[in-house]
Every structure is written in structure tokens, then in C-alpha cells.
Amino acid sequence: MAYVITEGCLDIMDRSCLNQCPVDCIQQGGRMLYINPDDCIDCGACESVCPQGAIFFDEELPADRERFRDINAGVFALGLEPGADHPVVRGLPG
């Protein structure tokens, strides 16, 4: 399992989590940040510093935010470059 960044980060990107991640598994897109589930070590350091409450442990994602599990993983599965957003995120209202 891994941590997941949800819509609370959309167009805000506080970036506090970037400095706390010991394995650099968080990538910045154009509109939000994403956690690579293959690199995440489930330490929770990112969750505790997110002022928007946008980060959840995968197994504790609220039902209305479950799509962000696939969005976070999809950024890395699609091989998107840093600074690029998942196609679903590009279409979300700002």
C-alpha cells in the first residue's frame, strides 16, 4: 500500500510533503502533487505535514476520493514527466 494525494492539493500545492518524504516518491505536476505507489514506504511523514489534509493512507481513503488512488499511480504508469498532470486532473474544475 501507499499514501495518496487527493483533491485537497489541487491548485494549492503547499509542498511541505516534498521536504518530509525520505525516499523522494512525491512528484510535482502542474496542478497538484502525486505519490509514486511503487516508491512510497508508507512512513506517513507526508500526511502529518499536509496543511490541507489532502494525503491519506491508501486503505483509509474516503469512498468519494478513491479515484485518486488510480490518478496518483497513473501519473507514474503513464510515464508522465515531472510538471505534467494526469489527464483526469487536467479536466477537473479549478
PDB file of N, CA and C in Angstrom:
ATOM      1  N   MET A   1       0.831  -1.183   0.000  1.00  0.00           N
ATOM      2  CA  MET A   1       0.000   0.000   0.000  1.00  0.00           C
ATOM      3  C   MET A   1       0.879   1.251   0.000  1.00  0.00           C
ATOM      4  N   ALA A   2       0.234   2.385  -0.192  1.00  0.00           N
ATOM      5  CA  ALA A   2       0.960   3.649  -0.263  1.00  0.00           C
ATOM      6  C   ALA A   2       0.042   4.773   0.194  1.00  0.00           C
ATOM      7  N   TYR A   3       0.604   5.925   0.320  1.00  0.00           N
ATOM      8  CA  TYR A   3      -0.190   7.119   0.601  1.00  0.00           C
ATOM      9  C   TYR A   3      -0.641   7.712  -0.724  1.00  0.00           C
ATOM     10  N   VAL A   4      -1.738   8.459  -0.682  1.00  0.00           N
ATOM     11  CA  VAL A   4      -2.366   9.008  -1.884  1.00  0.00           C
ATOM     12  C   VAL A   4      -2.667  10.480  -1.643  1.00  0.00           C
ATOM     13  N   ILE A   5      -2.343  11.303  -2.626  1.00  0.00           N
ATOM     14  CA  ILE A   5      -2.678  12.726  -2.557  1.00  0.00           C
ATOM     15  C   ILE A   5      -3.992  12.931  -3.299  1.00  0.00           C
ATOM     16  N   THR A   6      -4.907  13.677  -2.678  1.00  0.00           N
ATOM     17  CA  THR A   6      -6.242  13.875  -3.236  1.00  0.00           C
ATOM     18  C   THR A   6      -6.469  15.331  -3.637  1.00  0.00           C
ATOM     19  N   GLU A   7      -7.717  15.655  -3.948  1.00  0.00           N
ATOM     20  CA  GLU A   7      -8.052  16.970  -4.500  1.00  0.00           C
ATOM     21  C   GLU A   7      -7.776  18.144  -3.569  1.00  0.00           C
ATOM     22  N   GLY A   8      -7.538  17.893  -2.301  1.00  0.00           N
ATOM     23  CA  GLY A   8      -7.191  18.981  -1.393  1.00  0.00           C
ATOM     24  C   GLY A   8      -5.917  19.702  -1.813  1.00  0.00           C
ATOM     25  N   CYS A   9      -5.109  19.054  -2.621  1.00  0.00           N
ATOM     26  CA  CYS A   9      -3.851  19.631  -3.119  1.00  0.00           C
ATOM     27  C   CYS A   9      -4.052  20.385  -4.437  1.00  0.00           C
ATOM     28  N   LEU A  10      -5.177  20.160  -5.072  1.00  0.00           N
ATOM     29  CA  LEU A  10      -5.437  20.715  -6.401  1.00  0.00           C
ATOM     30  C   LEU A  10      -5.310  22.236  -6.405  1.00  0.00           C
ATOM     31  N   ASP A  11      -4.424  22.740  -7.209  1.00  0.00           N
ATOM     32  CA  ASP A  11      -4.165  24.169  -7.404  1.00  0.00           C
ATOM     33  C   ASP A  11      -3.653  24.878  -6.142  1.00  0.00           C
ATOM     34  N   ILE A  12      -3.234  24.128  -5.135  1.00  0.00           N
ATOM     35  CA  ILE A  12      -2.675  24.721  -3.919  1.00  0.00           C
ATOM     36  C   ILE A  12      -1.200  24.349  -3.796  1.00  0.00           C
ATOM     37  N   MET A  13      -0.897  23.077  -3.815  1.00  0.00           N
ATOM     38  CA  MET A  13       0.466  22.534  -3.748  1.00  0.00           C
ATOM     39  C   MET A  13       1.337  23.247  -2.715  1.00  0.00           C
ATOM     40  N   ASP A  14       1.028  23.065  -1.464  1.00  0.00           N
ATOM     41  CA  ASP A  14       1.814  23.634  -0.369  1.00  0.00           C
ATOM     42  C   ASP A  14       3.272  23.158  -0.400  1.00  0.00           C
ATOM     43  N   ARG A  15       3.504  21.932  -0.807  1.00  0.00           N
ATOM     44  CA  ARG A  15       4.824  21.308  -0.976  1.00  0.00           C
ATOM     45  C   ARG A  15       5.540  20.951   0.325  1.00  0.00           C
ATOM     46  N   SER A  16       4.892  21.091   1.470  1.00  0.00           N
ATOM     47  CA  SER A  16       5.511  20.684   2.734  1.00  0.00           C
ATOM     48  C   SER A  16       5.887  19.209   2.702  1.00  0.00           C
ATOM     49  N   CYS A  17       5.076  18.425   2.036  1.00  0.00           N
ATOM     50  CA  CYS A  17       5.312  16.981   1.981  1.00  0.00           C
ATOM     51  C   CYS A  17       6.591  16.629   1.225  1.00  0.00           C
ATOM     52  N   LEU A  18       6.960  17.431   0.242  1.00  0.00           N
ATOM     53  CA  LEU A  18       8.168  17.147  -0.538  1.00  0.00           C
ATOM     54  C   LEU A  18       9.410  17.093   0.348  1.00  0.00           C
ATOM     55  N   ASN A  19       9.496  18.004   1.288  1.00  0.00           N
ATOM     56  CA  ASN A  19      10.666  18.057   2.169  1.00  0.00           C
ATOM     57  C   ASN A  19      10.670  16.942   3.206  1.00  0.00           C
ATOM     58  N   GLN A  20       9.519  16.389   3.516  1.00  0.00           N
ATOM     59  CA  GLN A  20       9.425  15.354   4.546  1.00  0.00           C
ATOM     60  C   GLN A  20       9.617  13.942   4.009  1.00  0.00           C
ATOM     61  N   CYS A  21       9.424  13.731   2.738  1.00  0.00           N
ATOM     62  CA  CYS A  21       9.495  12.380   2.168  1.00  0.00           C
ATOM     63  C   CYS A  21      10.949  11.890   2.141  1.00  0.00           C
ATOM     64  N   PRO A  22      11.252  10.811   2.877  1.00  0.00           N
ATOM     65  CA  PRO A  22      12.632  10.326   2.928  1.00  0.00           C
ATOM     66  C   PRO A  22      13.087   9.582   1.671  1.00  0.00           C
ATOM     67  N   VAL A  23      12.144   9.227   0.789  1.00  0.00           N
ATOM     68  CA  VAL A  23      12.516   8.471  -0.413  1.00  0.00           C
ATOM     69  C   VAL A  23      12.197   9.216  -1.710  1.00  0.00           C
ATOM     70  N   ASP A  24      11.825  10.476  -1.604  1.00  0.00           N
ATOM     71  CA  ASP A  24      11.533  11.314  -2.775  1.00  0.00           C
ATOM     72  C   ASP A  24      10.546  10.667  -3.742  1.00  0.00           C
ATOM     73  N   CYS A  25       9.440  10.151  -3.194  1.00  0.00           N
ATOM     74  CA  CYS A  25       8.448   9.495  -4.054  1.00  0.00           C
ATOM     75  C   CYS A  25       7.343  10.448  -4.496  1.00  0.00           C
ATOM     76  N   ILE A  26       7.445  11.725  -4.135  1.00  0.00           N
ATOM     77  CA  ILE A  26       6.410  12.699  -4.482  1.00  0.00           C
ATOM     78  C   ILE A  26       6.885  13.541  -5.660  1.00  0.00           C
ATOM     79  N   GLN A  27       6.023  13.608  -6.684  1.00  0.00           N
ATOM     80  CA  GLN A  27       6.346  14.358  -7.896  1.00  0.00           C
ATOM     81  C   GLN A  27       5.366  15.512  -8.048  1.00  0.00           C
ATOM     82  N   GLN A  28       5.869  16.653  -8.460  1.00  0.00           N
ATOM     83  CA  GLN A  28       5.027  17.815  -8.686  1.00  0.00           C
ATOM     84  C   GLN A  28       4.515  17.835 -10.110  1.00  0.00           C
ATOM     85  N   GLY A  29       3.195  17.948 -10.226  1.00  0.00           N
ATOM     86  CA  GLY A  29       2.574  18.147 -11.523  1.00  0.00           C
ATOM     87  C   GLY A  29       2.292  19.625 -11.712  1.00  0.00           C
ATOM     88  N   GLY A  30       1.514  19.958 -12.690  1.00  0.00           N
ATOM     89  CA  GLY A  30       1.167  21.352 -12.926  1.00  0.00           C
ATOM     90  C   GLY A  30       0.113  21.873 -11.973  1.00  0.00           C
ATOM     91  N   ARG A  31      -0.815  20.991 -11.553  1.00  0.00           N
ATOM     92  CA  ARG A  31      -1.926  21.409 -10.692  1.00  0.00           C
ATOM     93  C   ARG A  31      -1.916  20.773  -9.305  1.00  0.00           C
ATOM     94  N   MET A  32      -1.178  19.677  -9.141  1.00  0.00           N
ATOM     95  CA  MET A  32      -1.125  19.013  -7.841  1.00  0.00           C
ATOM     96  C   MET A  32       0.104  18.127  -7.745  1.00  0.00           C
ATOM     97  N   LEU A  33       0.322  17.561  -6.581  1.00  0.00           N
ATOM     98  CA  LEU A  33       1.431  16.648  -6.338  1.00  0.00           C
ATOM     99  C   LEU A  33       0.921  15.221  -6.404  1.00  0.00           C
ATOM    100  N   TYR A  34       1.822  14.279  -6.677  1.00  0.00           N
ATOM    101  CA  TYR A  34       1.462  12.867  -6.815  1.00  0.00           C
ATOM    102  C   TYR A  34       2.469  12.001  -6.073  1.00  0.00           C
ATOM    103  N   ILE A  35       1.988  10.908  -5.472  1.00  0.00           N
ATOM    104  CA  ILE A  35       2.861   9.961  -4.793  1.00  0.00           C
ATOM    105  C   ILE A  35       3.000   8.707  -5.636  1.00  0.00           C
ATOM    106  N   ASN A  36       4.234   8.311  -5.893  1.00  0.00           N
ATOM    107  CA  ASN A  36       4.506   7.082  -6.634  1.00  0.00           C
ATOM    108  C   ASN A  36       4.295   5.901  -5.682  1.00  0.00           C
ATOM    109  N   PRO A  37       3.273   5.072  -5.939  1.00  0.00           N
ATOM    110  CA  PRO A  37       2.980   3.967  -5.023  1.00  0.00           C
ATOM    111  C   PRO A  37       4.065   2.901  -4.984  1.00  0.00           C
ATOM    112  N   ASP A  38       4.864   2.808  -6.030  1.00  0.00           N
ATOM    113  CA  ASP A  38       5.939   1.807  -6.062  1.00  0.00           C
ATOM    114  C   ASP A  38       7.130   2.225  -5.208  1.00  0.00           C
ATOM    115  N   ASP A  39       7.290   3.516  -4.992  1.00  0.00           N
ATOM    116  CA  ASP A  39       8.420   4.021  -4.216  1.00  0.00           C
ATOM    117  C   ASP A  39       8.062   4.384  -2.775  1.00  0.00           C
ATOM    118  N   CYS A  40       6.786   4.599  -2.502  1.00  0.00           N
ATOM    119  CA  CYS A  40       6.335   5.004  -1.168  1.00  0.00           C
ATOM    120  C   CYS A  40       6.612   3.881  -0.166  1.00  0.00           C
ATOM    121  N   ILE A  41       7.174   4.248   0.983  1.00  0.00           N
ATOM    122  CA  ILE A  41       7.497   3.252   2.018  1.00  0.00           C
ATOM    123  C   ILE A  41       6.498   3.299   3.178  1.00  0.00           C
ATOM    124  N   ASP A  42       5.391   3.992   2.994  1.00  0.00           N
ATOM    125  CA  ASP A  42       4.305   4.043   3.979  1.00  0.00           C
ATOM    126  C   ASP A  42       4.734   4.611   5.324  1.00  0.00           C
ATOM    127  N   CYS A  43       5.633   5.563   5.323  1.00  0.00           N
ATOM    128  CA  CYS A  43       6.119   6.119   6.593  1.00  0.00           C
ATOM    129  C   CYS A  43       5.147   7.128   7.194  1.00  0.00           C
ATOM    130  N   GLY A  44       4.320   7.768   6.374  1.00  0.00           N
ATOM    131  CA  GLY A  44       3.341   8.730   6.860  1.00  0.00           C
ATOM    132  C   GLY A  44       3.881  10.125   7.116  1.00  0.00           C
ATOM    133  N   ALA A  45       5.144  10.356   6.829  1.00  0.00           N
ATOM    134  CA  ALA A  45       5.728  11.681   7.080  1.00  0.00           C
ATOM    135  C   ALA A  45       5.011  12.771   6.282  1.00  0.00           C
ATOM    136  N   CYS A  46       4.588  12.468   5.085  1.00  0.00           N
ATOM    137  CA  CYS A  46       3.913  13.447   4.240  1.00  0.00           C
ATOM    138  C   CYS A  46       2.534  13.799   4.783  1.00  0.00           C
ATOM    139  N   GLU A  47       1.818  12.814   5.237  1.00  0.00           N
ATOM    140  CA  GLU A  47       0.452  13.024   5.731  1.00  0.00           C
ATOM    141  C   GLU A  47       0.429  13.981   6.922  1.00  0.00           C
ATOM    142  N   SER A  48       1.366  13.814   7.805  1.00  0.00           N
ATOM    143  CA  SER A  48       1.353  14.603   9.034  1.00  0.00           C
ATOM    144  C   SER A  48       1.679  16.081   8.821  1.00  0.00           C
ATOM    145  N   VAL A  49       2.296  16.445   7.704  1.00  0.00           N
ATOM    146  CA  VAL A  49       2.652  17.846   7.471  1.00  0.00           C
ATOM    147  C   VAL A  49       1.759  18.547   6.447  1.00  0.00           C
ATOM    148  N   CYS A  50       0.815  17.838   5.862  1.00  0.00           N
ATOM    149  CA  CYS A  50      -0.043  18.442   4.829  1.00  0.00           C
ATOM    150  C   CYS A  50      -1.104  19.330   5.479  1.00  0.00           C
ATOM    151  N   PRO A  51      -1.010  20.656   5.296  1.00  0.00           N
ATOM    152  CA  PRO A  51      -1.973  21.558   5.934  1.00  0.00           C
ATOM    153  C   PRO A  51      -3.373  21.473   5.330  1.00  0.00           C
ATOM    154  N   GLN A  52      -3.507  20.924   4.147  1.00  0.00           N
ATOM    155  CA  GLN A  52      -4.814  20.795   3.508  1.00  0.00           C
ATOM    156  C   GLN A  52      -5.507  19.475   3.853  1.00  0.00           C
ATOM    157  N   GLY A  53      -4.811  18.563   4.513  1.00  0.00           N
ATOM    158  CA  GLY A  53      -5.400  17.257   4.804  1.00  0.00           C
ATOM    159  C   GLY A  53      -5.688  16.485   3.529  1.00  0.00           C
ATOM    160  N   ALA A  54      -4.830  16.659   2.544  1.00  0.00           N
ATOM    161  CA  ALA A  54      -5.045  16.066   1.223  1.00  0.00           C
ATOM    162  C   ALA A  54      -4.436  14.674   1.073  1.00  0.00           C
ATOM    163  N   ILE A  55      -3.684  14.203   2.055  1.00  0.00           N
ATOM    164  CA  ILE A  55      -2.966  12.937   1.929  1.00  0.00           C
ATOM    165  C   ILE A  55      -3.590  11.903   2.858  1.00  0.00           C
ATOM    166  N   PHE A  56      -3.844  10.724   2.284  1.00  0.00           N
ATOM    167  CA  PHE A  56      -4.466   9.632   3.021  1.00  0.00           C
ATOM    168  C   PHE A  56      -3.695   8.343   2.786  1.00  0.00           C
ATOM    169  N   PHE A  57      -3.690   7.473   3.802  1.00  0.00           N
ATOM    170  CA  PHE A  57      -3.177   6.125   3.610  1.00  0.00           C
ATOM    171  C   PHE A  57      -4.149   5.425   2.674  1.00  0.00           C
ATOM    172  N   ASP A  58      -3.637   4.693   1.724  1.00  0.00           N
ATOM    173  CA  ASP A  58      -4.426   4.045   0.683  1.00  0.00           C
ATOM    174  C   ASP A  58      -5.650   3.318   1.233  1.00  0.00           C
ATOM    175  N   GLU A  59      -5.468   2.541   2.281  1.00  0.00           N
ATOM    176  CA  GLU A  59      -6.570   1.742   2.817  1.00  0.00           C
ATOM    177  C   GLU A  59      -7.581   2.585   3.596  1.00  0.00           C
ATOM    178  N   GLU A  60      -7.270   3.853   3.838  1.00  0.00           N
ATOM    179  CA  GLU A  60      -8.167   4.725   4.594  1.00  0.00           C
ATOM    180  C   GLU A  60      -8.758   5.848   3.738  1.00  0.00           C
ATOM    181  N   LEU A  61      -8.626   5.716   2.415  1.00  0.00           N
ATOM    182  CA  LEU A  61      -9.187   6.726   1.523  1.00  0.00           C
ATOM    183  C   LEU A  61     -10.701   6.782   1.673  1.00  0.00           C
ATOM    184  N   PRO A  62     -11.274   7.963   1.863  1.00  0.00           N
ATOM    185  CA  PRO A  62     -12.737   8.069   1.864  1.00  0.00           C
ATOM    186  C   PRO A  62     -13.279   7.612   0.501  1.00  0.00           C
ATOM    187  N   ALA A  63     -14.442   7.033   0.507  1.00  0.00           N
ATOM    188  CA  ALA A  63     -15.024   6.478  -0.722  1.00  0.00           C
ATOM    189  C   ALA A  63     -15.096   7.499  -1.853  1.00  0.00           C
ATOM    190  N   ASP A  64     -15.392   8.751  -1.519  1.00  0.00           N
ATOM    191  CA  ASP A  64     -15.518   9.766  -2.568  1.00  0.00           C
ATOM    192  C   ASP A  64     -14.180  10.239  -3.125  1.00  0.00           C
ATOM    193  N   ARG A  65     -13.078   9.715  -2.581  1.00  0.00           N
ATOM    194  CA  ARG A  65     -11.746  10.100  -3.075  1.00  0.00           C
ATOM    195  C   ARG A  65     -10.962   8.907  -3.626  1.00  0.00           C
ATOM    196  N   GLU A  66     -11.599   7.769  -3.728  1.00  0.00           N
ATOM    197  CA  GLU A  66     -10.894   6.562  -4.170  1.00  0.00           C
ATOM    198  C   GLU A  66     -10.306   6.680  -5.570  1.00  0.00           C
ATOM    199  N   ARG A  67     -10.882   7.495  -6.413  1.00  0.00           N
ATOM    200  CA  ARG A  67     -10.347   7.637  -7.776  1.00  0.00           C
ATOM    201  C   ARG A  67      -8.927   8.201  -7.766  1.00  0.00           C
ATOM    202  N   PHE A  68      -8.556   8.900  -6.693  1.00  0.00           N
ATOM    203  CA  PHE A  68      -7.212   9.467  -6.623  1.00  0.00           C
ATOM    204  C   PHE A  68      -6.129   8.399  -6.442  1.00  0.00           C
ATOM    205  N   ARG A  69      -6.507   7.203  -6.004  1.00  0.00           N
ATOM    206  CA  ARG A  69      -5.561   6.086  -5.955  1.00  0.00           C
ATOM    207  C   ARG A  69      -5.051   5.810  -7.364  1.00  0.00           C
ATOM    208  N   ASP A  70      -5.982   5.698  -8.312  1.00  0.00           N
ATOM    209  CA  ASP A  70      -5.608   5.434  -9.702  1.00  0.00           C
ATOM    210  C   ASP A  70      -4.959   6.645 -10.363  1.00  0.00           C
ATOM    211  N   ILE A  71      -5.366   7.826  -9.975  1.00  0.00           N
ATOM    212  CA  ILE A  71      -4.767   9.044 -10.537  1.00  0.00           C
ATOM    213  C   ILE A  71      -3.298   9.135 -10.143  1.00  0.00           C
ATOM    214  N   ASN A  72      -2.990   8.948  -8.848  1.00  0.00           N
ATOM    215  CA  ASN A  72      -1.594   9.004  -8.393  1.00  0.00           C
ATOM    216  C   ASN A  72      -0.764   7.938  -9.099  1.00  0.00           C
ATOM    217  N   ALA A  73      -1.227   6.705  -9.093  1.00  0.00           N
ATOM    218  CA  ALA A  73      -0.484   5.615  -9.731  1.00  0.00           C
ATOM    219  C   ALA A  73      -0.380   5.834 -11.233  1.00  0.00           C
ATOM    220  N   GLY A  74      -1.436   6.381 -11.824  1.00  0.00           N
ATOM    221  CA  GLY A  74      -1.465   6.577 -13.272  1.00  0.00           C
ATOM    222  C   GLY A  74      -0.409   7.530 -13.784  1.00  0.00           C
ATOM    223  N   VAL A  75      -0.088   8.547 -13.009  1.00  0.00           N
ATOM    224  CA  VAL A  75       0.951   9.501 -13.417  1.00  0.00           C
ATOM    225  C   VAL A  75       2.259   8.760 -13.693  1.00  0.00           C
ATOM    226  N   PHE A  76       2.581   7.792 -12.852  1.00  0.00           N
ATOM    227  CA  PHE A  76       3.835   7.052 -12.987  1.00  0.00           C
ATOM    228  C   PHE A  76       3.706   5.908 -13.990  1.00  0.00           C
ATOM    229  N   ALA A  77       2.541   5.271 -14.047  1.00  0.00           N
ATOM    230  CA  ALA A  77       2.319   4.193 -15.013  1.00  0.00           C
ATOM    231  C   ALA A  77       2.334   4.719 -16.444  1.00  0.00           C
ATOM    232  N   LEU A  78       1.817   5.933 -16.621  1.00  0.00           N
ATOM    233  CA  LEU A  78       1.808   6.551 -17.954  1.00  0.00           C
ATOM    234  C   LEU A  78       3.162   7.134 -18.329  1.00  0.00           C
ATOM    235  N   GLY A  79       4.072   7.215 -17.358  1.00  0.00           N
ATOM    236  CA  GLY A  79       5.400   7.764 -17.614  1.00  0.00           C
ATOM    237  C   GLY A  79       5.389   9.267 -17.841  1.00  0.00           C
ATOM    238  N   LEU A  80       4.462   9.961 -17.182  1.00  0.00           N
ATOM    239  CA  LEU A  80       4.390  11.411 -17.365  1.00  0.00           C
ATOM    240  C   LEU A  80       5.601  12.092 -16.746  1.00  0.00           C
ATOM    241  N   GLU A  81       6.088  13.076 -17.403  1.00  0.00           N
ATOM    242  CA  GLU A  81       7.253  13.832 -16.939  1.00  0.00           C
ATOM    243  C   GLU A  81       6.873  14.698 -15.744  1.00  0.00           C
ATOM    244  N   PRO A  82       7.841  15.030 -14.877  1.00  0.00           N
ATOM    245  CA  PRO A  82       7.564  15.985 -13.800  1.00  0.00           C
ATOM    246  C   PRO A  82       6.980  17.271 -14.381  1.00  0.00           C
ATOM    247  N   GLY A  83       5.988  17.809 -13.717  1.00  0.00           N
ATOM    248  CA  GLY A  83       5.313  19.007 -14.196  1.00  0.00           C
ATOM    249  C   GLY A  83       4.067  18.707 -14.995  1.00  0.00           C
ATOM    250  N   ALA A  84       3.897  17.445 -15.391  1.00  0.00           N
ATOM    251  CA  ALA A  84       2.704  17.057 -16.148  1.00  0.00           C
ATOM    252  C   ALA A  84       1.655  16.514 -15.190  1.00  0.00           C
ATOM    253  N   ASP A  85       0.395  16.713 -15.537  1.00  0.00           N
ATOM    254  CA  ASP A  85      -0.702  16.208 -14.719  1.00  0.00           C
ATOM    255  C   ASP A  85      -1.379  15.030 -15.397  1.00  0.00           C
ATOM    256  N   HIS A  86      -1.997  14.203 -14.557  1.00  0.00           N
ATOM    257  CA  HIS A  86      -2.805  13.104 -15.056  1.00  0.00           C
ATOM    258  C   HIS A  86      -3.939  13.709 -15.895  1.00  0.00           C
ATOM    259  N   PRO A  87      -4.352  13.056 -16.979  1.00  0.00           N
ATOM    260  CA  PRO A  87      -5.415  13.604 -17.826  1.00  0.00           C
ATOM    261  C   PRO A  87      -6.704  13.927 -17.059  1.00  0.00           C
ATOM    262  N   VAL A  88      -7.058  13.128 -16.061  1.00  0.00           N
ATOM    263  CA  VAL A  88      -8.263  13.406 -15.277  1.00  0.00           C
ATOM    264  C   VAL A  88      -8.106  14.721 -14.509  1.00  0.00           C
ATOM    265  N   VAL A  89      -6.943  14.947 -13.940  1.00  0.00           N
ATOM    266  CA  VAL A  89      -6.697  16.165 -13.159  1.00  0.00           C
ATOM    267  C   VAL A  89      -6.746  17.389 -14.069  1.00  0.00           C
ATOM    268  N   ARG A  90      -6.244  17.260 -15.278  1.00  0.00           N
ATOM    269  CA  ARG A  90      -6.275  18.388 -16.210  1.00  0.00           C
ATOM    270  C   ARG A  90      -7.707  18.854 -16.443  1.00  0.00           C
ATOM    271  N   GLY A  91      -8.657  17.919 -16.388  1.00  0.00           N
ATOM    272  CA  GLY A  91     -10.047  18.260 -16.665  1.00  0.00           C
ATOM    273  C   GLY A  91     -10.870  18.674 -15.454  1.00  0.00           C
ATOM    274  N   LEU A  92     -10.299  18.596 -14.269  1.00  0.00           N
ATOM    275  CA  LEU A  92     -11.036  18.985 -13.057  1.00  0.00           C
ATOM    276  C   LEU A  92     -11.201  20.493 -12.993  1.00  0.00           C
ATOM    277  N   PRO A  93     -12.366  20.945 -12.527  1.00  0.00           N
ATOM    278  CA  PRO A  93     -12.546  22.399 -12.390  1.00  0.00           C
ATOM    279  C   PRO A  93     -11.623  22.964 -11.335  1.00  0.00           C
ATOM    280  N   GLY A  94     -11.160  24.165 -11.533  1.00  0.00           N
ATOM    281  CA  GLY A  94     -10.200  24.790 -10.626  1.00  0.00           C
ATOM    282  C   GLY A  94     -10.770  25.710  -9.639  1.00  0.00           C
TER     283      GLY A  94
END
